[in-house]
Protein backbone atom coordinates (compact mmCIF):
# COMPACT_ATOMS: atom_id res chain seq x y z
CA MET A 1 112.34 100.85 143.22
CA SER A 2 114.86 101.72 140.54
CA ILE A 3 114.12 104.24 137.81
CA ASN A 4 113.88 102.97 134.24
CA PHE A 5 115.26 105.35 131.66
CA THR A 6 112.98 106.41 128.85
CA SER A 7 114.10 105.98 125.25
CA ARG A 8 114.57 109.74 125.01
CA GLN A 9 116.83 109.77 128.07
CA LYS A 10 118.84 106.87 126.67
CA LYS A 11 119.23 108.70 123.37
CA GLY A 12 120.34 111.84 125.22
CA LEU A 13 122.90 109.87 127.21
CA PHE A 14 124.17 108.09 124.11
CA LEU A 15 124.39 111.34 122.11
CA SER A 16 126.21 113.08 124.96
CA PHE A 17 128.81 110.33 125.22
CA LEU A 18 129.19 109.90 121.45
CA VAL A 19 129.78 113.56 120.60
CA SER A 20 132.02 114.15 123.61
CA LEU A 21 134.13 111.04 122.99
CA LEU A 22 134.38 111.90 119.29
CA ALA A 23 135.60 115.42 120.09
CA MET A 24 138.11 114.17 122.64
CA GLY A 25 139.26 111.44 120.25
CA LEU A 26 139.96 114.00 117.53
CA ILE A 27 141.84 116.25 119.95
CA LEU A 28 143.93 113.31 121.16
CA TYR A 29 144.59 112.20 117.59
CA PHE A 30 146.02 115.58 116.59
CA THR A 31 148.00 116.17 119.82
CA PHE A 32 149.28 112.75 120.87
CA SER A 33 152.95 112.10 120.13
CA GLN A 34 156.01 110.33 121.48
CA GLU A 35 156.56 113.34 123.71
CA THR A 36 153.06 112.78 125.12
CA TYR A 37 153.93 109.21 126.03
CA GLU A 38 157.15 110.31 127.74
CA SER A 39 155.33 113.06 129.68
CA LEU A 40 152.68 110.60 130.92
CA GLN A 41 155.44 108.53 132.50
CA ARG A 42 156.28 111.55 134.67
CA VAL A 43 152.71 112.19 135.86
CA GLN A 44 152.42 112.87 139.60
CA PRO A 45 149.33 110.84 140.63
CA HIS A 46 148.91 112.46 144.04
CA TYR A 47 147.79 115.67 142.33
CA LEU A 48 145.16 113.74 140.40
CA PHE A 49 144.00 112.18 143.66
CA LEU A 50 143.74 115.69 145.12
CA ALA A 51 141.63 116.65 142.10
CA PHE A 52 139.31 113.74 142.90
CA LEU A 53 139.04 114.82 146.55
CA THR A 54 138.36 118.39 145.39
CA VAL A 55 135.45 117.18 143.26
CA VAL A 56 134.00 115.21 146.19
CA ALA A 57 134.36 118.30 148.39
CA ALA A 58 132.42 120.29 145.76
CA TRP A 59 129.60 117.72 145.95
CA PHE A 60 129.28 118.20 149.70
CA LEU A 61 129.51 121.99 149.46
CA GLU A 62 126.59 121.99 147.01
CA GLY A 63 124.66 119.51 149.16
CA LEU A 64 125.19 121.74 152.19
CA ARG A 65 124.04 124.78 150.21
CA LEU A 66 120.79 123.01 149.24
CA HIS A 67 120.26 121.84 152.82
CA LEU A 68 120.75 125.31 154.30
CA ILE A 69 118.49 127.03 151.76
CA ILE A 70 115.69 124.57 152.57
CA LYS A 71 116.18 125.18 156.30
CA GLY A 72 115.94 128.91 155.61
CA VAL A 73 112.61 128.75 153.77
CA GLU A 74 110.89 125.74 155.39
CA ARG A 75 108.80 126.20 158.51
CA GLU A 76 110.41 125.44 161.85
CA GLY A 77 110.22 121.79 162.83
CA ALA A 78 109.00 120.65 159.40
CA PRO A 79 109.66 116.92 158.90
CA GLY A 80 110.50 117.23 155.21
CA ILE A 81 114.01 118.68 155.51
CA PRO A 82 116.50 116.33 153.84
CA GLY A 83 119.84 115.88 155.55
CA LEU A 84 123.21 116.76 154.09
CA LEU A 85 123.87 113.33 152.58
CA ASP A 86 120.37 113.22 151.04
CA CYS A 87 120.96 116.63 149.44
CA VAL A 88 124.29 115.44 148.01
CA LYS A 89 122.54 112.41 146.47
CA ILE A 90 119.75 114.59 145.07
CA PHE A 91 122.26 117.03 143.58
CA LEU A 92 124.22 114.27 141.85
CA SER A 93 121.04 112.59 140.59
CA SER A 94 119.77 115.88 139.17
CA PHE A 95 123.17 116.49 137.57
CA PHE A 96 122.73 113.23 135.69
CA PHE A 97 119.44 114.40 134.17
CA ALA A 98 120.94 117.84 133.49
CA GLY A 99 123.88 116.19 131.75
CA ILE A 100 121.78 114.14 129.34
CA THR A 101 119.41 116.95 128.29
CA PRO A 102 120.18 120.00 126.10
CA MET A 103 120.94 123.17 128.06
CA ALA A 104 120.48 121.14 131.30
CA LEU A 105 116.68 121.26 130.92
CA GLY A 106 116.29 118.08 132.98
CA GLU A 107 117.80 119.56 136.13
CA TRP A 108 114.81 121.46 137.56
CA PRO A 109 112.17 118.73 137.03
CA SER A 110 114.45 116.14 138.62
CA LEU A 111 115.19 118.37 141.62
CA LEU A 112 111.47 119.02 142.09
CA TYR A 113 110.78 115.29 141.89
CA TYR A 114 113.48 114.14 144.29
CA PHE A 115 112.88 116.82 146.92
CA HIS A 116 109.13 116.16 146.77
CA ARG A 117 109.83 112.46 147.32
CA GLN A 118 111.71 113.50 150.45
CA GLY A 119 108.62 115.28 151.77
CA VAL A 120 109.42 118.86 150.72
CA SER A 121 106.43 120.70 149.26
CA LEU A 122 106.62 121.77 145.62
CA GLY A 123 106.23 125.41 146.66
CA THR A 124 109.19 125.21 149.04
CA THR A 125 111.27 123.35 146.45
CA THR A 126 110.44 125.99 143.84
CA THR A 127 111.62 128.67 146.27
CA LEU A 128 114.79 126.69 146.87
CA LEU A 129 115.53 126.39 143.15
CA ILE A 130 114.92 130.06 142.46
CA ILE A 131 117.15 131.18 145.35
CA ARG A 132 119.84 128.72 144.25
CA ASN A 133 119.69 129.99 140.68
CA ILE A 134 119.84 133.60 141.80
CA LEU A 135 122.95 132.94 143.89
CA THR A 136 124.62 131.12 141.00
CA LYS A 137 123.56 133.65 138.39
CA SER A 138 124.74 136.52 140.60
CA PHE A 139 128.17 134.90 140.90
CA PHE A 140 128.55 134.49 137.14
CA LEU A 141 126.94 137.84 136.36
CA VAL A 142 129.44 139.70 138.53
CA THR A 143 132.44 137.70 137.31
CA GLY A 144 131.25 137.88 133.69
CA LEU A 145 130.90 141.66 133.82
CA ILE A 146 134.34 141.95 135.42
CA LEU A 147 135.84 139.85 132.63
CA PHE A 148 133.98 141.87 130.01
CA ALA A 149 135.38 145.09 131.47
CA LEU A 150 138.92 143.75 131.83
CA TYR A 151 139.04 142.38 128.30
CA GLN A 152 136.91 145.15 126.75
CA GLY A 153 134.47 142.57 125.40
CA ARG A 154 137.13 140.59 123.55
CA VAL A 155 138.63 137.24 124.49
CA GLU A 156 141.13 134.95 122.82
CA GLY A 157 139.78 132.16 120.64
CA GLY A 158 138.58 133.90 117.51
CA LEU A 159 135.38 135.58 116.37
CA ALA A 160 133.14 132.61 117.22
CA MET A 161 134.26 132.53 120.87
CA ASN A 162 133.82 136.29 121.19
CA TYR A 163 130.32 136.00 119.74
CA PHE A 164 129.27 133.20 122.10
CA PHE A 165 130.80 134.95 125.11
CA ARG A 166 128.90 138.18 124.43
CA LEU A 167 125.67 136.31 123.68
CA ALA A 168 125.93 134.20 126.84
CA LEU A 169 126.62 137.27 128.95
CA LEU A 170 123.70 139.14 127.35
CA LEU A 171 121.31 136.25 128.01
CA LEU A 172 122.55 136.07 131.60
CA ILE A 173 121.91 139.79 132.07
CA LEU A 174 118.40 139.54 130.56
CA SER A 175 117.33 136.40 132.42
CA SER A 176 118.59 137.35 135.89
CA PRO A 177 115.86 139.97 136.54
CA LEU A 178 113.17 137.33 135.86
CA TYR A 179 114.29 135.33 138.87
CA LEU A 180 114.35 138.47 141.01
CA VAL A 181 110.79 139.33 139.95
CA VAL A 182 109.55 135.88 140.92
CA LEU A 183 111.41 136.03 144.22
CA LEU A 184 110.39 139.55 145.21
CA TYR A 185 106.90 139.79 143.66
CA PRO A 186 105.33 136.30 143.65
CA ARG A 187 101.78 137.63 143.93
CA ARG A 188 102.22 139.67 140.75
CA VAL A 189 103.46 136.57 138.92
CA ILE A 190 100.36 134.62 139.98
CA ALA A 191 98.18 137.62 139.08
CA PHE A 192 99.76 137.58 135.63
CA PHE A 193 98.75 133.93 135.17
CA ARG A 194 95.21 134.82 136.27
CA PHE A 195 95.18 137.63 133.74
CA LEU A 196 96.14 135.20 130.98
CA LYS A 197 93.27 132.95 132.09
CA SER A 198 90.80 135.83 131.85
CA LEU A 199 91.59 136.69 128.24
CA PRO A 200 88.59 135.89 125.98
CA PHE A 201 90.50 133.75 123.52
CA LEU A 202 91.98 131.71 126.41
CA ARG A 203 88.87 131.53 128.64
CA LYS A 204 87.27 128.56 126.89
CA VAL A 205 90.50 126.59 126.96
CA ALA A 206 91.17 127.52 130.58
CA ASP A 207 87.71 126.30 131.66
CA SER A 208 88.48 122.74 130.60
CA PRO A 209 88.69 120.31 133.58
CA SER A 210 92.37 119.51 133.04
CA LEU A 211 93.47 123.14 132.85
CA ARG A 212 91.16 124.09 135.73
CA ASP A 213 92.92 121.51 137.87
CA PHE A 214 96.24 122.88 136.62
CA PHE A 215 95.39 126.43 137.69
CA LEU A 216 94.08 125.22 141.04
CA GLY A 217 97.33 123.36 141.58
CA LEU A 218 99.28 126.42 140.46
CA ARG A 219 97.43 128.60 142.93
CA ARG A 220 97.98 126.08 145.73
CA GLU A 221 101.68 125.83 145.02
CA GLY A 222 101.85 129.60 144.56
CA GLU A 223 100.42 130.06 148.03
CA GLN A 224 103.03 127.65 149.41
CA PHE A 225 105.67 129.56 147.49
CA GLN A 226 104.52 132.85 149.02
CA ASP A 227 104.41 131.25 152.46
CA SER A 228 108.00 130.09 152.05
CA LEU A 229 109.08 133.59 151.02
CA ALA A 230 107.15 135.08 153.94
CA ARG A 231 109.02 132.85 156.35
CA LEU A 232 112.24 133.86 154.65
CA GLY A 233 111.33 137.50 155.19
CA ARG A 234 110.72 137.07 158.92
CA GLY A 235 114.31 137.40 160.01
CA ARG A 236 115.61 134.55 157.87
CA LYS A 237 117.25 136.45 155.05
CA ARG A 238 120.46 136.45 157.05
CA LYS A 239 120.40 132.65 156.74
CA LEU A 240 121.11 133.08 153.03
CA MET A 241 124.52 134.59 153.78
CA LEU A 242 126.09 131.17 154.33
CA PRO A 243 124.53 129.67 151.14
CA ALA A 244 125.93 132.68 149.27
CA LEU A 245 129.39 131.94 150.66
CA LEU A 246 128.92 128.27 149.79
CA THR A 247 128.19 129.33 146.21
CA LEU A 248 131.61 130.93 146.10
CA GLY A 249 133.10 127.88 147.81
CA TYR A 250 131.55 125.43 145.36
CA TRP A 251 132.77 127.23 142.25
CA PHE A 252 136.17 128.01 143.76
CA THR A 253 136.57 124.29 144.50
CA TYR A 254 135.30 123.38 141.02
CA PHE A 255 137.82 125.77 139.46
CA LEU A 256 140.69 124.17 141.39
CA VAL A 257 140.52 121.04 139.23
CA PRO A 258 142.50 122.33 136.18
CA PRO A 259 145.41 123.70 138.29
CA LEU A 260 145.68 120.34 140.05
CA ILE A 261 145.61 118.49 136.72
CA MET A 262 148.32 120.77 135.34
CA ALA A 263 150.41 120.28 138.48
CA GLY A 264 150.01 116.52 138.05
CA LEU A 265 151.26 116.85 134.46
CA GLY A 266 154.25 118.85 135.68
CA LEU A 267 153.12 122.10 134.04
CA GLU A 268 153.48 125.64 135.30
CA PHE A 269 150.40 127.84 135.31
CA GLN A 270 148.93 131.17 136.36
CA TYR A 271 145.81 130.56 138.41
CA TRP A 272 144.17 133.83 137.35
CA ASN A 273 144.35 132.93 133.67
CA LEU A 274 142.96 129.45 134.33
CA LEU A 275 140.10 130.97 136.32
CA ILE A 276 139.22 133.36 133.49
CA TRP A 277 139.02 130.63 130.84
CA GLN A 278 136.93 128.35 133.04
CA ILE A 279 134.38 131.07 133.73
CA LEU A 280 134.14 131.80 130.01
CA ILE A 281 133.58 128.12 129.23
CA ILE A 282 130.83 127.81 131.86
CA LEU A 283 129.13 130.94 130.51
CA ILE A 284 129.18 129.51 127.00
CA MET A 285 128.34 125.86 127.69
CA VAL A 286 125.04 126.71 129.42
CA TYR A 287 123.57 127.54 126.02
CA ALA A 288 125.21 124.72 124.04
CA PRO A 289 122.42 122.79 122.25
CA LEU A 290 123.85 119.30 122.89
CA PRO A 291 123.53 117.49 126.25
CA GLY A 292 126.32 118.46 128.63
CA GLY A 293 127.72 120.85 126.05
CA SER A 294 129.28 117.77 124.43
CA GLY A 295 131.72 118.56 121.66
CA PHE A 296 131.51 122.29 122.16
CA VAL A 297 133.07 122.15 125.63
CA GLU A 298 135.97 119.98 124.48
CA ILE A 299 136.73 122.29 121.57
CA SER A 300 136.42 125.34 123.83
CA LEU A 301 138.81 123.77 126.33
CA ALA A 302 141.36 123.02 123.63
CA THR A 303 141.03 126.56 122.25
CA PHE A 304 141.16 128.46 125.54
CA PHE A 305 143.90 126.41 127.21
CA SER A 306 146.18 126.01 124.18
CA PRO A 307 148.26 129.07 125.24
CA HIS A 308 148.85 127.49 128.67
CA VAL A 309 149.18 123.75 127.90
CA PRO A 310 151.82 122.32 125.51
CA SER A 311 150.28 120.82 122.40
CA HIS A 312 151.52 117.30 123.20
CA LEU A 313 149.61 117.37 126.52
CA LEU A 314 146.55 119.34 125.42
CA GLY A 315 144.45 116.28 124.59
CA ILE A 316 145.35 114.59 127.89
CA PHE A 317 144.44 117.77 129.77
CA VAL A 318 141.04 118.04 128.03
CA VAL A 319 140.22 114.39 128.76
CA ALA A 320 141.22 114.74 132.44
CA TRP A 321 139.27 117.99 132.89
CA ARG A 322 136.11 116.48 131.35
CA PHE A 323 136.45 113.35 133.43
CA PHE A 324 136.69 115.14 136.76
CA THR A 325 134.14 117.90 136.07
CA TYR A 326 131.56 116.03 133.97
CA TYR A 327 131.89 112.28 133.62
CA LEU A 328 132.58 111.64 137.31
CA PHE A 329 129.46 113.64 138.24
CA LEU A 330 127.49 111.86 135.53
CA LEU A 331 128.63 108.35 136.48
CA VAL A 332 127.92 108.73 140.19
CA GLY A 333 124.59 110.47 139.51
CA GLY A 334 123.60 107.79 137.01
CA PHE A 335 124.48 105.06 139.52
CA LEU A 336 122.24 106.68 142.14
CA VAL A 337 119.38 107.12 139.68
CA ALA A 338 119.56 103.55 138.36
CA SER A 339 120.35 101.88 141.68
CA PRO A 340 117.94 99.05 142.56
CA PHE A 341 118.34 99.93 146.23
CA PRO A 342 115.67 102.50 147.19
CA PHE A 343 117.37 103.63 150.38
CA TRP A 344 120.04 105.39 148.29
CA LEU A 345 117.55 108.14 147.51
CA TYR A 346 114.55 107.35 149.68
CA PRO A 347 115.76 106.06 153.06
CA GLY A 348 112.29 105.30 154.34
CA GLU A 349 110.95 103.60 151.22
CA LYS A 350 110.46 99.83 151.05
CA LYS A 351 110.72 97.57 148.06
């Protein structure tokens, strides 16, 4: 059956579109000119088509990464291992919920839900999500530190951009060890929850039937989580090498979109500079309070890329970048989520 959006999800989607479209409209208003119109007549559409193919390739790289991580942590011969196409659909569907919630808070619950519907245990899915986050965080942590060292903690864009860049990098540095602790010491994490339950001022609350069931479920899923990590430790850690390379492949493909857009607009560029600004934007937008970083991302794009894109094409560039790297993901993911055809996400499910 299709999924009906809650009023909160509809508000999040509406707010995301409204703020983003308003920001892009303002940028277009202040940058559009007769020269813009003349430049659009010289656009090379085959580069834009390549940008579209690059985005689709990124979808399949991420789907393959999810598929291989599950194969690495799930027991041999387990029936609940989604195929590549299923993982691509799940990724895009989860991106939709991430895109309509502040700081992408809807991503993890939706991934847990969809993988569980495919027969993957919650413990295995939790392991998958933690490993995936560690690979992604490691990529941005290393690149962020390199950028910080190269630019001595200062980037173009004014005091506000420098502040957000440093804050985002600091939060990334502080949060990364938490994932490593959960991955390497799951028993200590569960023991910590048990300790909280044993505290006198929490004991009465914890003995309530609802919370007792919650802790029992937590212990059960914790045991599955440990079992998944144990299987990973029995000669399977080498199977994470390919997902790690796919992490690089996904973001490298993602970062190819702006150069292709600029080539389509007939602009010259330095790939290294484009890569730097994109990494900075991703680091900052994770902590933007509005869904999908709406408004903030568009302004950041206009600020960071203004030295590399002529003013009369800056608005067009921002709109194209957002379309390929956000709205296209969001539209396809939203279609999958709202589709009345259950086999799109659940091949074996009947109406």
